[in-house]
Every structure is written in structure tokens, then in C-alpha cells.
N, C-alpha and C. Protein backbone atom coordinates (compact mmCIF):
# COMPACT_ATOMS: atom_id res chain seq x y z
N MET A 1 92.84 112.01 114.64
CA MET A 1 92.80 110.66 114.93
C MET A 1 93.67 110.18 116.03
N ASN A 2 93.64 108.60 116.43
CA ASN A 2 94.21 108.23 117.21
C ASN A 2 95.10 107.33 116.85
N LEU A 3 96.21 108.20 116.95
CA LEU A 3 97.90 107.85 115.80
C LEU A 3 98.01 106.03 116.48
N GLN A 4 97.87 106.21 117.86
CA GLN A 4 98.48 105.10 118.74
C GLN A 4 97.75 103.97 118.59
N LEU A 5 96.47 103.95 118.43
CA LEU A 5 95.41 103.11 117.91
C LEU A 5 95.56 102.41 116.62
N LEU A 6 95.94 103.28 115.54
CA LEU A 6 96.14 102.96 114.74
C LEU A 6 97.92 102.32 114.27
N GLN A 7 98.86 102.82 114.83
CA GLN A 7 100.22 101.89 115.18
C GLN A 7 99.69 101.06 115.66
N GLN A 8 98.64 100.60 117.19
CA GLN A 8 98.86 99.23 117.13
C GLN A 8 97.99 97.91 116.20
N VAL A 9 97.04 98.61 115.46
CA VAL A 9 95.99 97.86 114.51
C VAL A 9 96.61 97.50 113.53
N THR A 10 97.52 98.51 113.38
CA THR A 10 98.45 98.32 111.90
C THR A 10 99.92 97.00 112.47
N ALA A 11 100.24 97.14 113.65
CA ALA A 11 101.18 96.12 114.52
C ALA A 11 100.68 94.85 114.03
N PHE A 12 99.13 94.65 114.34
CA PHE A 12 98.65 93.51 114.78
C PHE A 12 98.38 92.82 113.45
N ILE A 13 97.61 93.64 112.01
CA ILE A 13 97.57 93.04 110.95
C ILE A 13 99.15 92.73 110.46
N TRP A 14 99.71 93.57 110.56
CA TRP A 14 101.00 92.84 110.13
C TRP A 14 101.70 91.51 110.31
N GLN A 15 101.22 91.60 111.61
CA GLN A 15 101.63 90.21 112.32
C GLN A 15 101.24 89.16 112.27
N GLU A 16 99.67 89.57 111.67
CA GLU A 16 98.93 88.43 111.12
C GLU A 16 99.25 87.89 109.49
N GLY A 17 99.56 88.73 108.66
CA GLY A 17 100.30 88.66 107.88
C GLY A 17 101.54 88.35 107.14
N ASP A 18 102.70 88.38 108.11
CA ASP A 18 103.90 87.65 108.52
C ASP A 18 103.54 86.37 108.82
N MET A 19 102.54 85.92 109.68
CA MET A 19 102.22 84.17 109.93
C MET A 19 101.68 83.65 108.84
N LEU A 20 100.52 84.51 108.30
CA LEU A 20 100.24 83.62 106.75
C LEU A 20 101.49 83.29 106.27
N ASP A 21 102.10 84.37 105.95
CA ASP A 21 103.37 83.93 104.52
C ASP A 21 104.16 82.96 105.35
N HIS A 22 104.30 82.71 106.52
CA HIS A 22 105.44 81.84 106.98
C HIS A 22 104.77 80.49 107.40
N GLY A 23 103.97 80.60 107.32
CA GLY A 23 103.27 79.18 107.48
C GLY A 23 102.68 78.80 109.14
N GLU A 24 102.80 79.64 109.85
CA GLU A 24 102.37 79.62 111.47
C GLU A 24 101.36 79.75 111.43
N TYR A 25 100.24 78.72 111.37
CA TYR A 25 98.85 78.37 110.84
C TYR A 25 98.52 78.63 112.38
N ASP A 26 99.19 77.87 113.26
CA ASP A 26 98.67 77.44 114.48
C ASP A 26 98.59 78.74 115.89
N ALA A 27 99.85 79.82 115.22
CA ALA A 27 99.51 80.54 115.94
C ALA A 27 98.71 81.95 115.46
N TRP A 28 98.26 81.46 113.84
CA TRP A 28 97.05 82.84 113.33
C TRP A 28 95.66 81.81 113.87
N LEU A 29 95.58 80.88 114.02
CA LEU A 29 94.29 80.62 114.98
C LEU A 29 94.28 80.93 115.84
N SER A 30 95.24 81.51 117.07
CA SER A 30 95.27 82.23 118.15
C SER A 30 95.07 83.59 118.15
N LEU A 31 95.00 83.88 116.70
CA LEU A 31 94.82 85.53 116.86
C LEU A 31 92.94 85.71 116.84
N TRP A 32 91.98 84.51 116.69
CA TRP A 32 91.38 84.79 116.11
C TRP A 32 89.96 84.66 117.62
N SER A 33 88.87 85.11 117.52
CA SER A 33 87.63 85.19 118.83
C SER A 33 87.63 83.88 118.00
N GLU A 34 86.96 82.86 119.68
CA GLU A 34 85.93 82.17 119.36
C GLU A 34 84.79 81.93 118.08
N LYS A 35 84.29 83.24 118.55
CA LYS A 35 83.25 83.60 117.21
C LYS A 35 83.62 83.92 116.12
N GLY A 36 84.71 84.45 115.63
CA GLY A 36 85.25 85.35 114.78
C GLY A 36 84.83 84.15 113.11
N VAL A 37 84.68 85.24 112.40
CA VAL A 37 84.40 84.72 111.01
C VAL A 37 85.40 85.07 109.90
N TYR A 38 85.89 84.48 109.33
CA TYR A 38 86.75 84.48 108.01
C TYR A 38 85.75 84.47 106.81
N VAL A 39 85.79 85.43 105.78
CA VAL A 39 84.73 85.48 104.64
C VAL A 39 85.66 86.46 103.80
N ILE A 40 85.07 85.63 102.56
CA ILE A 40 85.57 85.89 101.09
C ILE A 40 84.64 85.79 99.79
N PRO A 41 83.46 86.47 99.67
CA PRO A 41 82.81 86.96 99.05
C PRO A 41 82.82 86.99 97.65
N ILE A 42 81.88 86.21 96.65
CA ILE A 42 82.08 86.36 95.42
C ILE A 42 82.01 87.33 95.05
N ASN A 43 80.37 87.88 95.37
CA ASN A 43 80.16 89.09 94.64
C ASN A 43 80.49 90.37 95.46
N PRO A 44 80.86 91.57 94.70
CA PRO A 44 82.09 92.19 95.87
C PRO A 44 81.27 93.29 96.14
N THR A 45 79.62 93.32 96.41
CA THR A 45 78.83 94.33 96.68
C THR A 45 77.74 93.46 98.24
N GLU A 46 78.10 92.41 98.06
CA GLU A 46 77.38 91.45 99.63
C GLU A 46 77.70 91.98 100.32
N GLU A 47 76.89 91.70 101.07
CA GLU A 47 76.50 92.20 102.50
C GLU A 47 76.06 91.11 103.38
N ASP A 48 74.74 90.35 102.68
CA ASP A 48 74.43 89.14 103.61
C ASP A 48 75.53 87.91 103.24
N PHE A 49 76.13 87.88 104.08
CA PHE A 49 77.42 86.74 103.69
C PHE A 49 76.89 85.39 104.23
N GLU A 50 75.83 85.09 105.32
CA GLU A 50 75.39 84.12 105.49
C GLU A 50 74.38 83.32 104.44
N ASN A 51 73.87 84.02 103.69
CA ASN A 51 72.72 83.88 102.50
C ASN A 51 73.31 84.02 101.36
N SER A 52 74.39 84.00 101.14
CA SER A 52 75.00 84.38 99.85
C SER A 52 76.11 83.63 99.67
N LEU A 53 76.43 82.94 98.23
CA LEU A 53 77.82 82.16 97.98
C LEU A 53 79.19 82.64 98.19
N ASN A 54 79.73 82.19 98.62
CA ASN A 54 81.34 82.94 99.15
C ASN A 54 82.82 81.89 98.93
N TYR A 55 83.23 82.45 98.43
CA TYR A 55 84.80 81.88 98.59
C TYR A 55 85.23 80.76 99.75
N ALA A 56 84.95 81.75 100.69
CA ALA A 56 85.06 81.08 102.26
C ALA A 56 83.92 82.26 102.97
N TYR A 57 83.52 81.06 104.27
CA TYR A 57 82.70 81.75 105.18
C TYR A 57 83.31 80.75 106.01
N ASP A 58 84.16 81.41 107.06
CA ASP A 58 84.71 80.22 108.02
C ASP A 58 84.64 80.82 109.69
N ASP A 59 83.80 79.81 110.56
CA ASP A 59 83.57 80.29 111.65
C ASP A 59 84.99 79.23 112.06
N ALA A 60 84.92 78.96 113.93
CA ALA A 60 86.20 78.74 114.25
C ALA A 60 86.48 76.91 113.77
N HIS A 61 85.41 76.09 113.29
CA HIS A 61 86.03 74.69 112.85
C HIS A 61 86.24 74.68 111.94
N MET A 62 85.88 75.20 110.83
CA MET A 62 86.06 75.46 108.88
C MET A 62 87.47 76.21 108.78
N ARG A 63 88.05 77.21 110.15
CA ARG A 63 89.32 77.90 109.84
C ARG A 63 90.69 76.81 110.44
N GLU A 64 90.04 75.75 111.05
CA GLU A 64 90.80 74.69 112.05
C GLU A 64 90.91 73.44 110.62
N LYS A 65 89.49 73.52 110.41
CA LYS A 65 90.18 72.64 108.84
C LYS A 65 90.67 73.25 107.57
N ARG A 66 90.80 74.42 107.65
CA ARG A 66 91.28 74.96 106.22
C ARG A 66 92.96 74.76 106.82
N VAL A 67 93.33 74.90 107.85
CA VAL A 67 94.59 74.92 108.41
C VAL A 67 94.84 73.12 108.10
N VAL A 68 94.41 72.18 108.56
CA VAL A 68 94.60 70.97 108.25
C VAL A 68 94.58 70.59 106.70
N ARG A 69 93.85 71.23 105.65
CA ARG A 69 93.80 71.01 104.44
C ARG A 69 95.10 71.59 103.88
N LEU A 70 95.78 73.04 104.63
CA LEU A 70 97.02 73.57 103.93
C LEU A 70 98.40 72.46 104.92
N THR A 71 98.16 72.19 105.51
CA THR A 71 99.07 71.61 106.10
C THR A 71 99.37 70.10 105.89
N GLY A 72 98.54 69.33 105.69
CA GLY A 72 98.07 68.05 105.29
C GLY A 72 99.02 67.62 104.25
N GLY A 73 98.89 68.02 103.26
CA GLY A 73 99.76 67.75 102.01
C GLY A 73 98.75 66.44 101.34
N GLU A 74 97.85 66.67 101.03
CA GLU A 74 96.87 66.37 100.56
C GLU A 74 95.57 66.58 99.36
N SER A 75 95.86 68.50 99.70
CA SER A 75 95.12 68.75 99.05
C SER A 75 95.58 69.44 98.16
N ILE A 76 94.89 68.88 96.32
CA ILE A 76 95.34 69.21 95.23
C ILE A 76 95.70 70.69 95.23
N SER A 77 94.89 71.79 95.57
CA SER A 77 95.29 73.52 95.81
C SER A 77 96.32 73.93 96.28
N THR A 78 97.23 72.89 97.07
CA THR A 78 97.89 73.49 98.10
C THR A 78 99.42 72.02 97.67
N THR A 79 99.18 71.80 96.91
CA THR A 79 100.47 70.55 96.20
C THR A 79 101.24 71.14 95.27
N PRO A 80 102.22 71.56 95.03
CA PRO A 80 102.95 72.00 96.04
C PRO A 80 102.50 72.98 96.62
N VAL A 81 103.15 73.15 97.93
CA VAL A 81 102.89 74.42 98.80
C VAL A 81 103.13 75.72 98.13
N PRO A 82 102.19 76.68 98.32
CA PRO A 82 102.51 78.02 97.62
C PRO A 82 103.17 78.53 98.85
N ARG A 83 104.05 79.57 97.62
CA ARG A 83 104.86 80.43 98.22
C ARG A 83 104.28 81.88 98.34
N THR A 84 104.37 82.58 99.46
CA THR A 84 103.08 83.82 99.46
C THR A 84 104.16 84.98 100.32
N VAL A 85 103.54 86.30 99.41
CA VAL A 85 104.63 87.50 100.00
C VAL A 85 103.09 88.43 100.11
N ARG A 86 102.69 88.99 101.21
CA ARG A 86 101.75 90.11 100.90
C ARG A 86 102.04 91.41 101.58
N THR A 87 102.03 92.25 100.78
CA THR A 87 102.29 93.57 101.40
C THR A 87 100.86 94.55 102.10
N LEU A 88 100.43 94.95 102.51
CA LEU A 88 99.24 95.44 103.62
C LEU A 88 99.46 97.12 103.77
N SER A 89 98.51 97.97 103.14
CA SER A 89 98.96 99.14 103.43
C SER A 89 97.60 99.85 103.41
N ARG A 90 97.55 101.55 103.34
CA ARG A 90 96.54 102.25 103.24
C ARG A 90 95.49 102.31 104.39
N PHE A 91 96.10 102.24 105.94
CA PHE A 91 95.34 101.33 107.10
C PHE A 91 94.44 102.46 107.22
N ARG A 92 93.13 102.83 107.78
CA ARG A 92 92.08 103.75 108.11
C ARG A 92 91.18 102.99 109.74
N VAL A 93 91.15 103.60 110.36
CA VAL A 93 90.72 103.00 111.46
C VAL A 93 88.72 103.67 110.99
N LEU A 94 87.82 102.75 111.05
CA LEU A 94 86.42 103.01 110.39
C LEU A 94 85.79 103.24 112.17
N TYR A 95 85.84 102.47 113.11
CA TYR A 95 85.16 102.69 114.31
C TYR A 95 86.28 102.48 115.51
N GLU A 96 85.63 102.38 116.76
CA GLU A 96 86.28 102.41 117.76
C GLU A 96 85.60 102.93 119.17
N ASP A 97 85.67 101.86 120.14
CA ASP A 97 84.81 101.73 121.12
C ASP A 97 85.44 101.00 122.26
N ALA A 98 85.11 101.36 123.14
CA ALA A 98 85.51 100.43 124.73
C ALA A 98 86.31 98.59 124.32
N GLU A 99 84.78 98.21 123.29
CA GLU A 99 85.19 96.41 123.16
C GLU A 99 85.77 96.74 121.62
N TYR A 100 85.30 97.53 120.35
CA TYR A 100 85.71 96.71 119.31
C TYR A 100 86.61 98.13 118.48
N VAL A 101 87.25 97.57 117.26
CA VAL A 101 88.05 98.58 116.28
C VAL A 101 87.49 97.94 115.04
N THR A 102 87.31 98.69 114.11
CA THR A 102 86.68 98.36 112.87
C THR A 102 88.07 98.97 112.19
N VAL A 103 88.80 98.06 111.02
CA VAL A 103 90.14 98.70 110.25
C VAL A 103 90.18 98.18 109.08
N ARG A 104 90.00 99.16 107.98
CA ARG A 104 90.15 98.78 106.99
C ARG A 104 91.59 99.38 105.81
N CYS A 105 91.98 98.17 105.61
CA CYS A 105 92.91 98.40 104.14
C CYS A 105 93.63 97.86 103.55
N ALA A 106 94.46 97.27 102.36
CA ALA A 106 94.26 97.21 101.52
C ALA A 106 95.56 95.84 101.48
N GLN A 107 95.32 95.22 100.68
CA GLN A 107 96.24 93.95 100.54
C GLN A 107 96.53 93.55 99.15
N ASN A 108 98.14 93.89 98.49
CA ASN A 108 98.60 93.08 97.58
C ASN A 108 99.13 91.54 98.20
N LEU A 109 98.62 90.62 97.16
CA LEU A 109 99.51 89.16 97.47
C LEU A 109 99.80 89.00 96.53
N ARG A 110 100.98 88.39 96.62
CA ARG A 110 101.77 87.42 95.40
C ARG A 110 102.05 86.08 95.77
N GLU A 111 101.84 85.25 94.95
CA GLU A 111 101.84 84.00 95.28
C GLU A 111 102.19 82.71 93.76
N PHE A 112 103.63 82.43 94.29
CA PHE A 112 103.91 81.63 93.74
C PHE A 112 103.78 80.02 93.69
N ARG A 113 103.45 79.27 92.85
CA ARG A 113 103.13 77.70 92.50
C ARG A 113 103.13 77.29 91.17
N LYS A 114 103.85 76.18 90.93
CA LYS A 114 103.90 75.40 89.65
C LYS A 114 104.86 76.56 88.85
N ASP A 115 105.72 76.81 88.91
CA ASP A 115 106.25 78.06 88.49
C ASP A 115 106.01 78.95 87.56
N ALA A 116 104.58 79.60 88.28
CA ALA A 116 103.97 80.83 88.11
C ALA A 116 103.52 81.75 88.99
N LEU A 117 103.80 83.02 88.41
CA LEU A 117 103.76 84.29 89.73
C LEU A 117 102.25 84.70 89.60
N LYS A 118 100.88 84.36 90.43
CA LYS A 118 100.01 85.03 90.56
C LYS A 118 100.09 86.16 91.61
N HIS A 119 98.79 87.31 91.24
CA HIS A 119 98.97 88.49 92.07
C HIS A 119 97.40 88.71 92.27
N TYR A 120 97.12 89.14 93.62
CA TYR A 120 96.01 88.98 94.31
C TYR A 120 95.51 90.24 95.15
N SER A 121 94.79 91.14 94.54
CA SER A 121 94.64 92.98 95.52
C SER A 121 93.12 92.92 95.97
N ALA A 122 93.02 93.09 97.25
CA ALA A 122 91.84 92.87 98.02
C ALA A 122 91.70 94.21 98.83
N ASP A 123 90.72 94.58 99.32
CA ASP A 123 90.44 95.61 100.22
C ASP A 123 90.22 94.58 101.45
N ILE A 124 90.58 94.86 102.76
CA ILE A 124 90.16 94.36 104.03
C ILE A 124 89.59 94.91 104.89
N VAL A 125 88.44 94.26 105.49
CA VAL A 125 88.50 94.96 106.66
C VAL A 125 88.16 93.97 107.77
N TYR A 126 89.07 94.52 109.05
CA TYR A 126 89.19 93.66 109.89
C TYR A 126 88.02 94.34 111.27
N GLU A 127 87.06 93.52 111.86
CA GLU A 127 86.55 93.36 113.07
C GLU A 127 87.10 93.32 114.18
N LEU A 128 87.77 93.68 114.96
CA LEU A 128 88.23 93.79 116.28
C LEU A 128 88.06 93.94 116.94
N GLU A 129 88.31 92.79 118.09
CA GLU A 129 87.73 92.48 119.77
C GLU A 129 89.00 93.46 120.44
N ARG A 130 88.95 94.10 121.15
CA ARG A 130 90.01 94.04 121.92
C ARG A 130 90.24 93.02 123.01
N ALA A 131 91.33 92.52 123.43
CA ALA A 131 91.83 91.88 124.51
C ALA A 131 93.03 91.94 125.26
N GLY A 132 92.45 92.46 126.25
CA GLY A 132 93.87 93.03 127.12
C GLY A 132 94.61 93.95 126.40
N ASP A 133 95.97 93.83 126.13
CA ASP A 133 96.70 94.60 125.47
C ASP A 133 96.42 94.65 123.96
N GLY A 134 96.21 93.94 123.81
CA GLY A 134 96.20 93.30 122.22
C GLY A 134 94.96 93.26 121.50
N PHE A 135 94.41 92.08 120.19
CA PHE A 135 92.96 92.27 119.89
C PHE A 135 93.13 91.17 119.37
N ARG A 136 91.73 90.20 119.03
CA ARG A 136 91.45 89.32 118.12
C ARG A 136 90.53 89.50 117.28
N ILE A 137 90.52 88.24 115.79
CA ILE A 137 90.50 88.93 115.21
C ILE A 137 88.22 88.03 115.26
N GLN A 138 87.41 89.26 115.28
CA GLN A 138 86.21 88.60 115.08
C GLN A 138 85.72 89.10 113.48
N ARG A 139 85.76 89.49 112.49
CA ARG A 139 85.64 89.04 111.38
C ARG A 139 87.06 89.80 110.87
N LYS A 140 86.82 88.86 109.05
CA LYS A 140 88.10 89.23 108.31
C LYS A 140 87.16 89.11 106.94
N LEU A 141 87.22 90.42 106.33
CA LEU A 141 86.01 90.52 105.22
C LEU A 141 87.23 90.96 104.04
N ILE A 142 87.25 89.84 103.36
CA ILE A 142 88.33 90.39 102.00
C ILE A 142 87.36 90.36 101.00
N ARG A 143 87.31 91.51 100.18
CA ARG A 143 86.94 91.60 99.03
C ARG A 143 88.22 91.81 97.51
N LEU A 144 88.20 90.80 97.43
CA LEU A 144 89.49 90.96 96.00
C LEU A 144 88.56 91.37 94.98
N ILE A 145 89.50 92.62 94.34
CA ILE A 145 88.63 93.22 93.47
C ILE A 145 88.36 92.86 92.63
N ASN A 146 88.67 91.33 92.12
CA ASN A 146 88.29 90.74 90.69
C ASN A 146 87.42 89.10 91.50
N SER A 147 86.99 89.58 92.20
CA SER A 147 86.10 88.29 93.35
C SER A 147 84.88 87.80 92.11
N ASP A 148 84.34 88.57 91.13
CA ASP A 148 83.24 87.91 90.21
C ASP A 148 83.47 87.57 89.57
N ASP A 149 85.27 87.82 89.04
CA ASP A 149 86.09 87.11 87.37
C ASP A 149 85.69 85.40 87.75
N ALA A 150 86.48 84.75 86.61
CA ALA A 150 87.93 83.57 87.15
C ALA A 150 88.68 83.60 87.62
N LEU A 151 88.58 83.02 89.37
CA LEU A 151 89.93 82.73 89.66
C LEU A 151 90.61 81.07 89.73
N ALA A 152 91.80 81.61 89.97
CA ALA A 152 92.42 79.81 89.73
C ALA A 152 92.29 79.51 91.20
N GLY A 153 92.72 78.61 91.68
CA GLY A 153 92.06 77.83 93.04
C GLY A 153 93.23 78.85 93.62
N ILE A 154 92.79 78.99 94.68
CA ILE A 154 92.98 79.56 96.02
C ILE A 154 93.01 78.90 97.28
N GLY A 155 94.18 77.70 97.37
CA GLY A 155 94.50 77.08 98.15
C GLY A 155 95.22 77.32 99.53
N TYR A 156 95.06 78.75 99.50
CA TYR A 156 95.97 79.45 101.38
C TYR A 156 94.89 80.26 101.54
N ILE A 157 95.48 80.70 102.41
CA ILE A 157 94.78 81.58 103.70
C ILE A 157 94.98 83.04 103.13
N LEU A 158 94.21 83.85 102.32
CA LEU A 158 94.33 85.33 102.04
C LEU A 158 94.33 86.28 103.37
């Protein structure tokens, strides 16, 4: 096990989570590679994301539109703005080579909005592209453990 790599990817993913919890969306957008894809499938076993229904399947253009909706104040699902705190744990490097690193981790996210506290748990797989001393997100796959159940509006970025 490459502990130095594990520390580097863990720090990168923790940084991403902190940016999201604190509304640093422009900084979050800069973490992505141009061809990166943000995916939240409905079917928990789905592998063909391009040809199936997803909660999110965002390329760069759609990620930017999502941020505009979050920050513009005109989206019903983000008014009032939800407050979130996420915990990321159980990091495991699944693959690495000179160009890419694939990491799986667990996320527990708490959302407080409209006097209600909600909890979302997910397995996340990050496909990271090496970029100098750091990484760019090539794909972020979020598998909510209850994705095939009725979900309330998720108006923020998981």
C-alpha cells in the first residue's frame, strides 16, 4: 500500500468536501478536468450512466449551470440555502498508474434546511487525473445507499 499516495488523495478529497460545505463553488469547479463527469445514478447497480436515468450526469457545462442555480437564489430546491456537513472516510486506492488514480470512500452528509435535518450516506468513487503535484477530478461517482428510494429534492452538490 502506497501510504503517501493515500494521504495525498485523502487530503484532496477532504479539501473538495470542505469547499462544498462552505459554498466555495468556483474553487470546486477548478478541481475538475475539462472532460470530468459528476454522476449520481438512480439504480444502485447501474454501470451504463450515459444511457440510463440519473439524478445527475454533469459535464463541465452542466456543473457550471448547477453552481449558477445554487448561487443564484432562484431555485426552489436551494431556497433557503441548505447548510451541509460531510464526513468522508474509509479511503481505499483501487487503481493507480502514471496518469490516473481511482479511490473509493464513504460519505455521510448532513443537510439542515427548513428546520429539518436529513442524512445521506453514499459510496463514492473518484477517478483522479494526475496534474503536477495534485489531481483533477475525471469522474466522481456517487452511489447513494438509498438511491432507488423516494428522495427529497437534493438541491446542492453531493
